[in-house]
N, C-alpha and C. Protein backbone atom coordinates (compact mmCIF):
# COMPACT_ATOMS: atom_id res chain seq x y z
N MET A 1 0.85 -1.18 0.00
CA MET A 1 0.00 0.00 0.00
C MET A 1 0.89 1.24 0.00
N ARG A 2 0.49 2.18 -0.81
CA ARG A 2 1.21 3.44 -0.88
C ARG A 2 0.24 4.59 -0.61
N THR A 3 0.74 5.60 0.08
CA THR A 3 -0.07 6.79 0.30
C THR A 3 0.77 8.04 0.12
N ILE A 4 0.09 9.08 -0.23
CA ILE A 4 0.64 10.42 -0.15
C ILE A 4 -0.27 11.16 0.82
N ILE A 5 0.33 11.65 1.90
CA ILE A 5 -0.41 12.36 2.92
C ILE A 5 -0.09 13.83 2.75
N GLN A 6 -1.12 14.65 2.62
CA GLN A 6 -0.92 16.08 2.47
C GLN A 6 -1.66 16.81 3.58
N ARG A 7 -0.92 17.67 4.28
CA ARG A 7 -1.53 18.52 5.29
C ARG A 7 -2.20 19.67 4.55
N VAL A 8 -3.49 19.84 4.78
CA VAL A 8 -4.25 20.82 4.01
C VAL A 8 -5.01 21.80 4.90
N SER A 9 -5.25 22.98 4.34
CA SER A 9 -6.15 23.94 4.96
C SER A 9 -7.58 23.60 4.59
N GLU A 10 -7.73 23.03 3.39
CA GLU A 10 -9.02 22.55 2.90
C GLU A 10 -8.79 21.67 1.70
N ALA A 11 -9.74 20.77 1.44
CA ALA A 11 -9.65 19.89 0.27
C ALA A 11 -11.05 19.41 -0.09
N SER A 12 -11.24 19.11 -1.36
CA SER A 12 -12.53 18.57 -1.79
C SER A 12 -12.35 17.69 -3.02
N VAL A 13 -13.34 16.83 -3.24
CA VAL A 13 -13.37 15.96 -4.41
C VAL A 13 -14.70 16.20 -5.13
N THR A 14 -14.60 16.44 -6.44
CA THR A 14 -15.79 16.69 -7.25
C THR A 14 -15.90 15.63 -8.33
N VAL A 15 -17.10 15.12 -8.53
CA VAL A 15 -17.39 14.16 -9.59
C VAL A 15 -18.61 14.68 -10.36
N ASP A 16 -18.48 14.82 -11.65
CA ASP A 16 -19.56 15.33 -12.51
C ASP A 16 -20.16 16.63 -11.97
N GLY A 17 -19.29 17.52 -11.52
CA GLY A 17 -19.73 18.83 -11.05
C GLY A 17 -20.31 18.86 -9.65
N GLN A 18 -20.37 17.71 -8.98
CA GLN A 18 -20.91 17.63 -7.62
C GLN A 18 -19.80 17.32 -6.62
N ILE A 19 -19.76 18.05 -5.52
CA ILE A 19 -18.78 17.76 -4.46
C ILE A 19 -19.23 16.50 -3.74
N VAL A 20 -18.35 15.48 -3.71
CA VAL A 20 -18.69 14.21 -3.05
C VAL A 20 -17.95 14.04 -1.72
N GLY A 21 -16.92 14.83 -1.50
CA GLY A 21 -16.17 14.81 -0.25
C GLY A 21 -15.50 16.14 -0.04
N LYS A 22 -15.54 16.65 1.20
CA LYS A 22 -14.97 17.97 1.46
C LYS A 22 -14.54 18.04 2.92
N ILE A 23 -13.36 18.65 3.16
CA ILE A 23 -12.88 18.86 4.52
C ILE A 23 -12.28 20.25 4.64
N GLY A 24 -12.16 20.68 5.90
CA GLY A 24 -11.40 21.88 6.22
C GLY A 24 -9.99 21.46 6.59
N ARG A 25 -9.44 22.04 7.61
CA ARG A 25 -8.07 21.75 8.05
C ARG A 25 -7.93 20.27 8.41
N GLY A 26 -6.89 19.63 7.88
CA GLY A 26 -6.68 18.23 8.18
C GLY A 26 -5.75 17.56 7.19
N LEU A 27 -6.10 16.32 6.83
CA LEU A 27 -5.26 15.50 5.96
C LEU A 27 -6.02 15.05 4.72
N LEU A 28 -5.39 15.22 3.56
CA LEU A 28 -5.84 14.61 2.32
C LEU A 28 -4.94 13.41 2.10
N ILE A 29 -5.53 12.24 1.96
CA ILE A 29 -4.75 11.01 1.79
C ILE A 29 -5.08 10.41 0.43
N LEU A 30 -4.07 10.29 -0.42
CA LEU A 30 -4.19 9.58 -1.68
C LEU A 30 -3.68 8.18 -1.42
N ALA A 31 -4.48 7.15 -1.71
CA ALA A 31 -4.14 5.78 -1.35
C ALA A 31 -4.18 4.86 -2.56
N GLY A 32 -3.08 4.10 -2.73
CA GLY A 32 -3.00 3.12 -3.80
C GLY A 32 -2.72 1.74 -3.23
N PHE A 33 -3.21 0.72 -3.94
CA PHE A 33 -3.10 -0.66 -3.45
C PHE A 33 -2.54 -1.57 -4.53
N GLU A 34 -1.85 -2.62 -4.08
CA GLU A 34 -1.38 -3.66 -4.99
C GLU A 34 -1.98 -4.99 -4.55
N GLU A 35 -1.93 -5.98 -5.44
CA GLU A 35 -2.54 -7.28 -5.17
C GLU A 35 -2.03 -7.92 -3.89
N ALA A 36 -0.77 -7.69 -3.54
CA ALA A 36 -0.15 -8.35 -2.38
C ALA A 36 -0.52 -7.71 -1.04
N ASP A 37 -1.24 -6.59 -1.06
CA ASP A 37 -1.59 -5.93 0.19
C ASP A 37 -2.52 -6.79 1.03
N THR A 38 -2.29 -6.74 2.35
CA THR A 38 -3.09 -7.52 3.29
C THR A 38 -3.65 -6.60 4.37
N GLU A 39 -4.41 -7.17 5.26
CA GLU A 39 -4.97 -6.39 6.36
C GLU A 39 -3.87 -5.75 7.20
N SER A 40 -2.74 -6.43 7.34
CA SER A 40 -1.66 -5.86 8.15
C SER A 40 -1.12 -4.57 7.52
N ASP A 41 -1.10 -4.47 6.20
CA ASP A 41 -0.70 -3.23 5.53
C ASP A 41 -1.68 -2.11 5.87
N LEU A 42 -2.96 -2.43 5.84
CA LEU A 42 -4.00 -1.44 6.11
C LEU A 42 -3.94 -0.95 7.55
N VAL A 43 -3.78 -1.89 8.47
CA VAL A 43 -3.70 -1.57 9.90
C VAL A 43 -2.49 -0.69 10.18
N TRP A 44 -1.33 -1.09 9.66
CA TRP A 44 -0.10 -0.33 9.88
C TRP A 44 -0.25 1.09 9.32
N MET A 45 -0.75 1.19 8.09
CA MET A 45 -0.87 2.50 7.44
C MET A 45 -1.86 3.40 8.18
N ALA A 46 -3.01 2.87 8.53
CA ALA A 46 -4.02 3.67 9.23
C ALA A 46 -3.48 4.17 10.56
N GLY A 47 -2.80 3.31 11.30
CA GLY A 47 -2.23 3.72 12.58
C GLY A 47 -1.15 4.77 12.42
N LYS A 48 -0.28 4.58 11.44
CA LYS A 48 0.79 5.53 11.19
C LYS A 48 0.23 6.91 10.84
N ILE A 49 -0.77 6.94 9.98
CA ILE A 49 -1.35 8.22 9.55
C ILE A 49 -2.08 8.89 10.72
N ALA A 50 -2.87 8.13 11.45
CA ALA A 50 -3.65 8.71 12.55
C ALA A 50 -2.76 9.32 13.63
N ARG A 51 -1.59 8.73 13.83
CA ARG A 51 -0.69 9.20 14.90
C ARG A 51 0.43 10.13 14.41
N MET A 52 0.50 10.33 13.09
CA MET A 52 1.57 11.15 12.52
C MET A 52 1.47 12.58 13.04
N ARG A 53 2.56 13.06 13.60
CA ARG A 53 2.61 14.40 14.20
C ARG A 53 3.16 15.40 13.18
N ILE A 54 2.25 15.95 12.37
CA ILE A 54 2.67 16.89 11.34
C ILE A 54 1.94 18.23 11.43
N PHE A 55 1.24 18.46 12.54
CA PHE A 55 0.58 19.74 12.76
C PHE A 55 1.33 20.49 13.85
N SER A 56 1.49 21.77 13.67
CA SER A 56 2.32 22.58 14.56
C SER A 56 1.67 22.81 15.92
N ASP A 57 2.54 22.83 16.94
CA ASP A 57 2.11 23.22 18.28
C ASP A 57 2.25 24.74 18.40
N LYS A 58 2.06 25.27 19.60
CA LYS A 58 2.11 26.73 19.81
C LYS A 58 3.47 27.32 19.50
N ASP A 59 4.52 26.48 19.50
CA ASP A 59 5.87 26.96 19.20
C ASP A 59 6.26 26.76 17.73
N GLY A 60 5.31 26.29 16.92
CA GLY A 60 5.58 26.09 15.50
C GLY A 60 6.29 24.79 15.19
N VAL A 61 6.35 23.87 16.15
CA VAL A 61 7.00 22.57 15.96
C VAL A 61 5.93 21.54 15.57
N MET A 62 6.21 20.74 14.54
CA MET A 62 5.26 19.70 14.15
C MET A 62 5.20 18.67 15.27
N ASN A 63 4.16 18.77 16.08
CA ASN A 63 4.09 17.97 17.30
C ASN A 63 2.70 17.41 17.57
N HIS A 64 1.73 17.67 16.68
CA HIS A 64 0.36 17.22 16.92
C HIS A 64 -0.15 16.37 15.76
N SER A 65 -1.00 15.40 16.09
CA SER A 65 -1.65 14.57 15.08
C SER A 65 -2.95 15.23 14.63
N VAL A 66 -3.56 14.68 13.62
CA VAL A 66 -4.82 15.20 13.10
C VAL A 66 -5.90 15.16 14.18
N SER A 67 -5.90 14.15 15.02
CA SER A 67 -6.89 14.06 16.10
C SER A 67 -6.67 15.15 17.13
N GLU A 68 -5.43 15.43 17.44
CA GLU A 68 -5.11 16.42 18.48
C GLU A 68 -5.48 17.84 18.08
N ILE A 69 -5.58 18.11 16.79
CA ILE A 69 -5.94 19.46 16.35
C ILE A 69 -7.41 19.53 15.93
N ALA A 70 -8.16 18.45 16.17
CA ALA A 70 -9.57 18.36 15.76
C ALA A 70 -9.69 18.56 14.25
N GLY A 71 -8.72 17.98 13.50
CA GLY A 71 -8.72 18.09 12.05
C GLY A 71 -9.64 17.09 11.40
N GLU A 72 -9.75 17.20 10.09
CA GLU A 72 -10.60 16.32 9.31
C GLU A 72 -9.75 15.49 8.36
N ILE A 73 -10.35 14.44 7.80
CA ILE A 73 -9.62 13.53 6.91
C ILE A 73 -10.44 13.28 5.65
N LEU A 74 -9.76 13.35 4.51
CA LEU A 74 -10.35 13.02 3.21
C LEU A 74 -9.45 11.99 2.55
N ALA A 75 -9.99 10.83 2.21
CA ALA A 75 -9.22 9.76 1.57
C ALA A 75 -9.72 9.55 0.14
N VAL A 76 -8.76 9.43 -0.79
CA VAL A 76 -9.08 9.26 -2.20
C VAL A 76 -8.26 8.10 -2.74
N SER A 77 -8.92 7.13 -3.35
CA SER A 77 -8.22 6.01 -3.96
C SER A 77 -7.54 6.48 -5.23
N GLN A 78 -6.25 6.09 -5.40
CA GLN A 78 -5.49 6.54 -6.57
C GLN A 78 -4.52 5.46 -7.02
N PHE A 79 -4.95 4.65 -8.00
CA PHE A 79 -4.13 3.55 -8.49
C PHE A 79 -2.83 4.03 -9.14
N THR A 80 -2.77 5.29 -9.58
CA THR A 80 -1.58 5.77 -10.28
C THR A 80 -0.37 5.91 -9.36
N LEU A 81 -0.56 5.72 -8.05
CA LEU A 81 0.60 5.71 -7.15
C LEU A 81 1.52 4.53 -7.43
N TYR A 82 1.03 3.55 -8.18
CA TYR A 82 1.85 2.40 -8.55
C TYR A 82 2.37 2.50 -9.99
N ALA A 83 2.52 3.71 -10.49
CA ALA A 83 3.06 3.90 -11.84
C ALA A 83 4.50 3.41 -11.91
N SER A 84 4.82 2.74 -12.98
CA SER A 84 6.20 2.34 -13.25
C SER A 84 6.60 2.95 -14.58
N ILE A 85 7.79 3.55 -14.61
CA ILE A 85 8.28 4.15 -15.86
C ILE A 85 9.62 3.52 -16.27
N LYS A 86 9.80 2.25 -15.91
CA LYS A 86 11.04 1.56 -16.23
C LYS A 86 11.25 1.43 -17.73
N LYS A 87 10.17 1.22 -18.47
CA LYS A 87 10.28 1.02 -19.91
C LYS A 87 9.56 2.16 -20.61
N GLY A 88 10.28 2.95 -21.34
CA GLY A 88 9.67 4.01 -22.13
C GLY A 88 9.15 5.16 -21.29
N ASN A 89 8.24 5.90 -21.89
CA ASN A 89 7.72 7.11 -21.25
C ASN A 89 6.26 7.00 -20.87
N ARG A 90 5.61 5.92 -21.27
CA ARG A 90 4.21 5.73 -20.90
C ARG A 90 4.16 4.89 -19.63
N PRO A 91 3.59 5.43 -18.55
CA PRO A 91 3.56 4.68 -17.29
C PRO A 91 2.77 3.38 -17.42
N SER A 92 3.22 2.40 -16.69
CA SER A 92 2.51 1.13 -16.56
C SER A 92 2.00 1.04 -15.14
N TRP A 93 0.78 0.53 -15.00
CA TRP A 93 0.20 0.35 -13.67
C TRP A 93 -0.03 -1.12 -13.39
N SER A 94 0.85 -1.96 -13.90
CA SER A 94 0.65 -3.41 -13.75
C SER A 94 0.71 -3.87 -12.30
N ARG A 95 1.38 -3.14 -11.42
CA ARG A 95 1.43 -3.52 -10.00
C ARG A 95 0.20 -3.09 -9.22
N ALA A 96 -0.55 -2.16 -9.77
CA ALA A 96 -1.75 -1.67 -9.08
C ALA A 96 -2.82 -2.76 -9.06
N ALA A 97 -3.46 -2.92 -7.91
CA ALA A 97 -4.55 -3.90 -7.80
C ALA A 97 -5.72 -3.48 -8.67
N LYS A 98 -6.36 -4.44 -9.28
CA LYS A 98 -7.57 -4.17 -10.07
C LYS A 98 -8.70 -3.75 -9.13
N GLY A 99 -9.73 -3.16 -9.69
CA GLY A 99 -10.83 -2.62 -8.90
C GLY A 99 -11.50 -3.61 -7.97
N ASP A 100 -11.64 -4.87 -8.40
CA ASP A 100 -12.32 -5.85 -7.55
C ASP A 100 -11.51 -6.19 -6.30
N VAL A 101 -10.22 -5.91 -6.34
CA VAL A 101 -9.35 -6.11 -5.17
C VAL A 101 -9.17 -4.79 -4.43
N SER A 102 -8.90 -3.72 -5.16
CA SER A 102 -8.57 -2.46 -4.51
C SER A 102 -9.77 -1.77 -3.86
N GLN A 103 -10.96 -1.93 -4.41
CA GLN A 103 -12.11 -1.27 -3.78
C GLN A 103 -12.37 -1.79 -2.37
N PRO A 104 -12.41 -3.12 -2.14
CA PRO A 104 -12.59 -3.58 -0.75
C PRO A 104 -11.41 -3.17 0.15
N LEU A 105 -10.19 -3.16 -0.40
CA LEU A 105 -9.04 -2.72 0.39
C LEU A 105 -9.20 -1.26 0.79
N PHE A 106 -9.62 -0.43 -0.14
CA PHE A 106 -9.82 0.98 0.15
C PHE A 106 -10.90 1.17 1.22
N GLU A 107 -12.01 0.47 1.08
CA GLU A 107 -13.09 0.58 2.06
C GLU A 107 -12.64 0.12 3.44
N GLN A 108 -11.87 -0.96 3.51
CA GLN A 108 -11.34 -1.44 4.79
C GLN A 108 -10.35 -0.43 5.38
N PHE A 109 -9.51 0.15 4.53
CA PHE A 109 -8.56 1.15 4.98
C PHE A 109 -9.27 2.36 5.58
N VAL A 110 -10.32 2.83 4.91
CA VAL A 110 -11.08 3.98 5.41
C VAL A 110 -11.68 3.66 6.77
N GLU A 111 -12.21 2.45 6.94
CA GLU A 111 -12.79 2.06 8.23
C GLU A 111 -11.71 1.99 9.31
N LYS A 112 -10.56 1.42 8.99
CA LYS A 112 -9.47 1.34 9.97
C LYS A 112 -8.95 2.74 10.32
N LEU A 113 -8.88 3.61 9.35
CA LEU A 113 -8.46 4.99 9.60
C LEU A 113 -9.46 5.71 10.49
N ARG A 114 -10.74 5.46 10.26
CA ARG A 114 -11.78 6.05 11.10
C ARG A 114 -11.64 5.58 12.54
N LEU A 115 -11.42 4.28 12.72
CA LEU A 115 -11.26 3.74 14.07
C LEU A 115 -10.00 4.25 14.75
N GLU A 116 -8.89 4.29 14.02
CA GLU A 116 -7.61 4.74 14.60
C GLU A 116 -7.63 6.22 14.97
N SER A 117 -8.27 7.02 14.14
CA SER A 117 -8.26 8.47 14.36
C SER A 117 -9.42 8.93 15.24
N GLY A 118 -10.47 8.12 15.32
CA GLY A 118 -11.66 8.54 16.05
C GLY A 118 -12.43 9.63 15.32
N LYS A 119 -12.24 9.72 14.01
CA LYS A 119 -12.86 10.78 13.21
C LYS A 119 -13.58 10.18 12.00
N PRO A 120 -14.61 10.86 11.53
CA PRO A 120 -15.19 10.43 10.26
C PRO A 120 -14.17 10.66 9.14
N VAL A 121 -14.25 9.86 8.09
CA VAL A 121 -13.33 10.01 6.96
C VAL A 121 -14.16 10.23 5.71
N ALA A 122 -14.04 11.41 5.13
CA ALA A 122 -14.69 11.71 3.86
C ALA A 122 -13.92 10.99 2.76
N THR A 123 -14.58 10.69 1.66
CA THR A 123 -13.92 10.00 0.55
C THR A 123 -14.35 10.59 -0.78
N GLY A 124 -13.60 10.22 -1.79
CA GLY A 124 -14.01 10.48 -3.15
C GLY A 124 -14.98 9.39 -3.56
N LEU A 125 -15.15 9.18 -4.86
CA LEU A 125 -16.03 8.15 -5.38
C LEU A 125 -15.16 7.14 -6.12
N PHE A 126 -15.04 5.94 -5.57
CA PHE A 126 -14.13 4.94 -6.10
C PHE A 126 -14.39 4.70 -7.59
N GLY A 127 -13.32 4.72 -8.37
CA GLY A 127 -13.38 4.41 -9.79
C GLY A 127 -13.87 5.55 -10.67
N ALA A 128 -14.30 6.64 -10.08
CA ALA A 128 -14.81 7.77 -10.86
C ALA A 128 -13.67 8.65 -11.35
N ASP A 129 -13.97 9.44 -12.35
CA ASP A 129 -13.04 10.47 -12.81
C ASP A 129 -13.25 11.66 -11.87
N MET A 130 -12.32 11.85 -10.95
CA MET A 130 -12.47 12.84 -9.88
C MET A 130 -11.59 14.05 -10.11
N SER A 131 -12.07 15.19 -9.66
CA SER A 131 -11.26 16.40 -9.58
C SER A 131 -11.00 16.65 -8.10
N VAL A 132 -9.73 16.67 -7.74
CA VAL A 132 -9.34 16.87 -6.35
C VAL A 132 -8.74 18.27 -6.23
N SER A 133 -9.32 19.05 -5.33
CA SER A 133 -8.83 20.41 -5.07
C SER A 133 -8.30 20.45 -3.66
N LEU A 134 -7.18 21.15 -3.47
CA LEU A 134 -6.63 21.26 -2.13
C LEU A 134 -5.82 22.52 -1.99
N VAL A 135 -5.72 22.96 -0.74
CA VAL A 135 -4.78 24.00 -0.37
C VAL A 135 -3.80 23.32 0.56
N ASN A 136 -2.60 23.04 0.04
CA ASN A 136 -1.58 22.33 0.81
C ASN A 136 -1.01 23.30 1.82
N ASP A 137 -1.07 22.94 3.08
CA ASP A 137 -0.64 23.79 4.19
C ASP A 137 0.82 23.48 4.50
N GLY A 138 1.68 24.43 4.24
CA GLY A 138 3.10 24.25 4.56
C GLY A 138 4.02 24.65 3.42
N PRO A 139 4.10 23.91 2.36
CA PRO A 139 3.41 22.66 2.07
C PRO A 139 4.03 21.48 2.82
N VAL A 140 3.17 20.56 3.19
CA VAL A 140 3.61 19.31 3.81
C VAL A 140 2.99 18.17 3.02
N SER A 141 3.84 17.35 2.39
CA SER A 141 3.41 16.15 1.65
C SER A 141 4.37 15.03 2.00
N ILE A 142 3.83 13.89 2.41
CA ILE A 142 4.66 12.77 2.84
C ILE A 142 4.21 11.51 2.10
N CYS A 143 5.18 10.79 1.52
CA CYS A 143 4.91 9.52 0.84
C CYS A 143 5.26 8.37 1.77
N ILE A 144 4.34 7.40 1.86
CA ILE A 144 4.58 6.23 2.70
C ILE A 144 4.24 4.98 1.92
N ASP A 145 5.10 3.99 2.00
CA ASP A 145 4.87 2.68 1.38
C ASP A 145 4.94 1.63 2.48
N SER A 146 3.88 0.84 2.63
CA SER A 146 3.85 -0.16 3.70
C SER A 146 4.91 -1.25 3.51
N ARG A 147 5.42 -1.39 2.30
CA ARG A 147 6.46 -2.39 2.02
C ARG A 147 7.86 -1.84 2.32
N GLN A 148 7.95 -0.53 2.50
CA GLN A 148 9.23 0.11 2.80
C GLN A 148 9.06 1.11 3.92
N PRO A 149 8.69 0.63 5.11
CA PRO A 149 8.50 1.57 6.22
C PRO A 149 9.81 2.23 6.61
N GLU A 150 9.79 3.53 6.67
CA GLU A 150 11.02 4.29 7.00
C GLU A 150 10.81 5.01 8.30
């Protein structure tokens, strides 16, 4: 499982001109899955994100999690996080899980994230052509891969 976590002032997802998910201050999470992902990947990732201290305290030090600042969470499934450009210039997504595998993984991840953070998690619309708008706060963007925990 791969994610890009972005600290945002606000973010939203629009499908066919309709907003389907929207948050204020908090985290926008882009999440990609591969066939080999298991529940342990989802649990590890949800816990890591929920406890990640990337919001500033009164001294300007990144010392608070999204829960500690009463922030919001928006999760969007994004298979393109598994792009490979080893051959040529056209990306291949052969490592990305197909929809019948990735959709249940995404739904389970959202539920685990909700439980870990104690917060509702807004989402995009799985498989749709989405427009994602955000105001990146900082900017702070962090890439995490459950297969390469750093």
